[in-house]
N, C-alpha and C. Protein backbone atom coordinates (compact mmCIF):
# COMPACT_ATOMS: atom_id res chain seq x y z
N MET A 1 51.93 123.62 36.22
CA MET A 1 51.78 123.33 37.63
C MET A 1 51.74 121.81 37.78
N PHE A 2 52.23 121.31 38.91
CA PHE A 2 52.14 119.89 39.19
C PHE A 2 51.99 119.68 40.69
N THR A 3 51.46 118.50 41.02
CA THR A 3 51.35 118.10 42.43
C THR A 3 52.05 116.77 42.61
N ILE A 4 52.53 116.53 43.83
CA ILE A 4 53.15 115.26 44.20
C ILE A 4 52.48 114.77 45.47
N GLU A 5 52.02 113.51 45.44
CA GLU A 5 51.39 112.90 46.61
C GLU A 5 52.02 111.53 46.83
N HIS A 6 52.32 111.21 48.08
CA HIS A 6 52.86 109.90 48.42
C HIS A 6 51.73 109.08 49.02
N GLU A 7 51.39 107.98 48.33
CA GLU A 7 50.36 107.08 48.81
C GLU A 7 51.01 105.81 49.32
N PHE A 8 50.21 104.89 49.80
CA PHE A 8 50.72 103.66 50.39
C PHE A 8 51.66 102.90 49.46
N ASP A 9 51.25 102.68 48.21
CA ASP A 9 52.04 101.85 47.30
C ASP A 9 52.59 102.60 46.09
N ALA A 10 52.42 103.92 46.05
CA ALA A 10 52.87 104.66 44.87
C ALA A 10 53.09 106.13 45.19
N THR A 11 53.91 106.75 44.35
CA THR A 11 54.01 108.20 44.35
C THR A 11 53.21 108.67 43.15
N VAL A 12 52.32 109.64 43.36
CA VAL A 12 51.43 110.11 42.30
C VAL A 12 51.77 111.56 41.97
N ILE A 13 52.10 111.79 40.70
CA ILE A 13 52.41 113.13 40.22
C ILE A 13 51.33 113.50 39.22
N THR A 14 50.74 114.68 39.37
CA THR A 14 49.73 115.16 38.43
C THR A 14 50.25 116.42 37.75
N LEU A 15 50.28 116.39 36.42
CA LEU A 15 50.72 117.53 35.62
C LEU A 15 49.49 118.26 35.11
N VAL A 16 49.38 119.55 35.41
CA VAL A 16 48.24 120.36 35.00
C VAL A 16 48.70 121.31 33.90
N ASP A 17 47.99 121.30 32.75
CA ASP A 17 48.34 122.16 31.62
C ASP A 17 47.92 123.59 31.91
N GLU A 18 48.91 124.47 31.98
CA GLU A 18 48.62 125.89 32.20
C GLU A 18 49.06 126.74 31.01
N GLY A 19 49.24 126.11 29.86
CA GLY A 19 49.71 126.82 28.68
C GLY A 19 48.59 127.57 27.99
N GLU A 20 48.83 127.87 26.73
CA GLU A 20 47.84 128.59 25.92
C GLU A 20 46.62 127.69 25.68
N ALA A 21 45.46 128.32 25.55
CA ALA A 21 44.24 127.58 25.22
C ALA A 21 44.36 127.09 23.78
N PRO A 22 43.84 125.95 23.38
CA PRO A 22 43.07 125.04 24.22
C PRO A 22 43.97 124.21 25.13
N LEU A 23 43.57 124.05 26.36
CA LEU A 23 44.34 123.30 27.34
C LEU A 23 44.09 121.81 27.19
N LEU A 24 45.10 121.02 27.51
CA LEU A 24 44.97 119.56 27.47
C LEU A 24 44.58 119.06 28.86
N GLU A 25 44.07 117.84 28.90
CA GLU A 25 43.67 117.22 30.17
C GLU A 25 44.90 116.96 31.03
N ASP A 26 44.68 116.88 32.36
CA ASP A 26 45.76 116.57 33.29
C ASP A 26 46.38 115.22 32.95
N VAL A 27 47.66 115.08 33.25
CA VAL A 27 48.37 113.81 33.12
C VAL A 27 48.71 113.35 34.52
N THR A 28 48.34 112.10 34.85
CA THR A 28 48.66 111.53 36.16
C THR A 28 49.70 110.45 35.98
N ILE A 29 50.79 110.56 36.76
CA ILE A 29 51.89 109.60 36.71
C ILE A 29 51.90 108.86 38.04
N ASN A 30 51.77 107.53 37.96
CA ASN A 30 51.79 106.69 39.16
C ASN A 30 53.08 105.90 39.15
N SER A 31 53.93 106.13 40.14
CA SER A 31 55.22 105.45 40.22
C SER A 31 55.15 104.35 41.26
N PHE A 32 55.14 103.10 40.78
CA PHE A 32 55.14 101.92 41.64
C PHE A 32 56.55 101.33 41.65
N ALA A 33 56.81 100.36 42.49
CA ALA A 33 58.13 99.71 42.54
C ALA A 33 58.44 98.99 41.23
N GLU A 34 57.42 98.39 40.60
CA GLU A 34 57.65 97.54 39.42
C GLU A 34 57.37 98.23 38.09
N CYS A 35 56.69 99.39 38.09
CA CYS A 35 56.38 100.08 36.84
C CYS A 35 55.94 101.51 37.11
N VAL A 36 55.79 102.26 36.03
CA VAL A 36 55.27 103.62 36.08
C VAL A 36 54.14 103.70 35.07
N THR A 37 52.99 104.26 35.47
CA THR A 37 51.89 104.43 34.53
C THR A 37 51.64 105.91 34.31
N LEU A 38 51.30 106.25 33.08
CA LEU A 38 50.89 107.60 32.71
C LEU A 38 49.44 107.52 32.26
N GLU A 39 48.58 108.34 32.84
CA GLU A 39 47.16 108.30 32.52
C GLU A 39 46.68 109.70 32.12
N GLN A 40 45.81 109.73 31.10
CA GLN A 40 45.21 111.00 30.67
C GLN A 40 43.83 110.71 30.12
N TYR A 41 42.87 111.52 30.55
CA TYR A 41 41.50 111.41 30.06
C TYR A 41 41.45 111.86 28.60
N ASP A 42 40.77 111.07 27.76
CA ASP A 42 40.61 111.39 26.35
C ASP A 42 39.14 111.75 26.11
N PRO A 43 38.83 113.03 25.94
CA PRO A 43 37.43 113.43 25.77
C PRO A 43 36.79 112.89 24.49
N ARG A 44 37.59 112.54 23.50
CA ARG A 44 37.04 112.00 22.25
C ARG A 44 36.43 110.63 22.46
N THR A 45 37.06 109.82 23.33
CA THR A 45 36.56 108.47 23.58
C THR A 45 35.87 108.35 24.93
N ASP A 46 35.92 109.42 25.75
CA ASP A 46 35.36 109.44 27.10
C ASP A 46 35.97 108.32 27.96
N ARG A 47 37.27 108.08 27.76
CA ARG A 47 37.99 107.06 28.52
C ARG A 47 39.34 107.60 28.96
N VAL A 48 39.88 107.00 30.01
CA VAL A 48 41.24 107.31 30.45
C VAL A 48 42.18 106.39 29.68
N GLN A 49 43.18 106.98 29.03
CA GLN A 49 44.20 106.21 28.30
C GLN A 49 45.38 106.00 29.23
N THR A 50 45.94 104.79 29.24
CA THR A 50 47.05 104.46 30.14
C THR A 50 48.22 103.90 29.35
N VAL A 51 49.41 104.37 29.69
CA VAL A 51 50.66 103.84 29.15
C VAL A 51 51.47 103.34 30.34
N THR A 52 52.00 102.11 30.24
CA THR A 52 52.80 101.53 31.33
C THR A 52 54.24 101.40 30.87
N LEU A 53 55.17 101.90 31.69
CA LEU A 53 56.60 101.83 31.40
C LEU A 53 57.30 101.02 32.47
N SER A 54 58.29 100.24 32.06
CA SER A 54 59.15 99.56 33.04
C SER A 54 60.11 100.59 33.61
N PRO A 55 60.76 100.28 34.73
CA PRO A 55 61.77 101.21 35.26
C PRO A 55 62.88 101.50 34.24
N GLU A 56 63.25 100.51 33.44
CA GLU A 56 64.29 100.69 32.43
C GLU A 56 63.82 101.64 31.33
N GLN A 57 62.56 101.51 30.91
CA GLN A 57 62.03 102.41 29.89
C GLN A 57 61.97 103.85 30.41
N LEU A 58 61.60 104.01 31.67
CA LEU A 58 61.55 105.34 32.26
C LEU A 58 62.95 105.95 32.33
N ARG A 59 63.95 105.14 32.71
CA ARG A 59 65.34 105.61 32.73
C ARG A 59 65.78 106.06 31.34
N ASP A 60 65.45 105.26 30.32
CA ASP A 60 65.82 105.60 28.94
C ASP A 60 65.11 106.88 28.48
N LEU A 61 63.85 107.03 28.84
CA LEU A 61 63.11 108.24 28.48
C LEU A 61 63.76 109.47 29.10
N ALA A 62 64.11 109.39 30.37
CA ALA A 62 64.76 110.52 31.04
C ALA A 62 66.07 110.88 30.35
N ALA A 63 66.86 109.89 29.96
CA ALA A 63 68.13 110.15 29.28
C ALA A 63 67.89 110.73 27.89
N ALA A 64 66.86 110.24 27.19
CA ALA A 64 66.60 110.66 25.82
C ALA A 64 66.20 112.13 25.72
N LEU A 65 65.64 112.68 26.78
CA LEU A 65 65.20 114.08 26.73
C LEU A 65 66.36 115.05 26.51
N ASP A 66 67.59 114.63 26.83
CA ASP A 66 68.76 115.51 26.72
C ASP A 66 69.74 115.10 25.63
N LEU A 67 69.33 114.19 24.74
CA LEU A 67 70.26 113.69 23.72
C LEU A 67 69.81 114.08 22.32
N PRO A 68 70.75 114.22 21.39
CA PRO A 68 70.38 114.51 20.00
C PRO A 68 69.84 113.25 19.32
N GLU A 69 69.36 113.42 18.11
CA GLU A 69 68.83 112.33 17.31
C GLU A 69 69.87 111.21 17.20
N GLY A 70 69.42 109.95 17.27
CA GLY A 70 70.34 108.82 17.16
C GLY A 70 69.78 107.59 17.84
N VAL A 71 70.59 106.53 17.90
CA VAL A 71 70.22 105.28 18.55
C VAL A 71 71.19 105.09 19.71
N TYR A 72 70.65 104.77 20.88
CA TYR A 72 71.48 104.70 22.08
C TYR A 72 71.16 103.46 22.90
N ARG A 73 72.12 103.00 23.68
CA ARG A 73 71.92 101.96 24.69
C ARG A 73 72.67 102.41 25.93
N LEU A 74 71.95 102.52 27.04
CA LEU A 74 72.60 102.91 28.29
C LEU A 74 73.24 101.69 28.93
N ARG A 75 74.44 101.85 29.46
CA ARG A 75 75.14 100.79 30.15
C ARG A 75 75.58 101.30 31.51
N GLU A 76 75.49 100.43 32.48
CA GLU A 76 75.99 100.79 33.82
C GLU A 76 77.50 100.63 33.81
N VAL A 77 78.18 101.61 34.38
CA VAL A 77 79.63 101.57 34.49
C VAL A 77 79.98 101.14 35.91
N PRO A 78 80.76 100.07 36.06
CA PRO A 78 81.11 99.64 37.41
C PRO A 78 81.93 100.71 38.12
N PRO A 79 81.72 100.86 39.42
CA PRO A 79 82.51 101.85 40.17
C PRO A 79 83.98 101.49 40.16
N LYS A 80 84.82 102.52 40.19
CA LYS A 80 86.27 102.29 40.18
C LYS A 80 86.80 102.12 41.57
């Protein structure tokens, strides 16, 4: 399950684990104009862990989900 909320300066997506137990903590994705952050509470450290991605890293991640093992570089193709 997931939720999507539009706030003043970001779009916030929350991913809720509904799989087999033991369940993992929710993941919150904050999409800003300049970056995307992924946050998840870590019960071992009692802290929220944050990963920040640039728009280019997010684009590469989205492309990588559908590609086989290898090394890639995405290039923009000029319109014809």
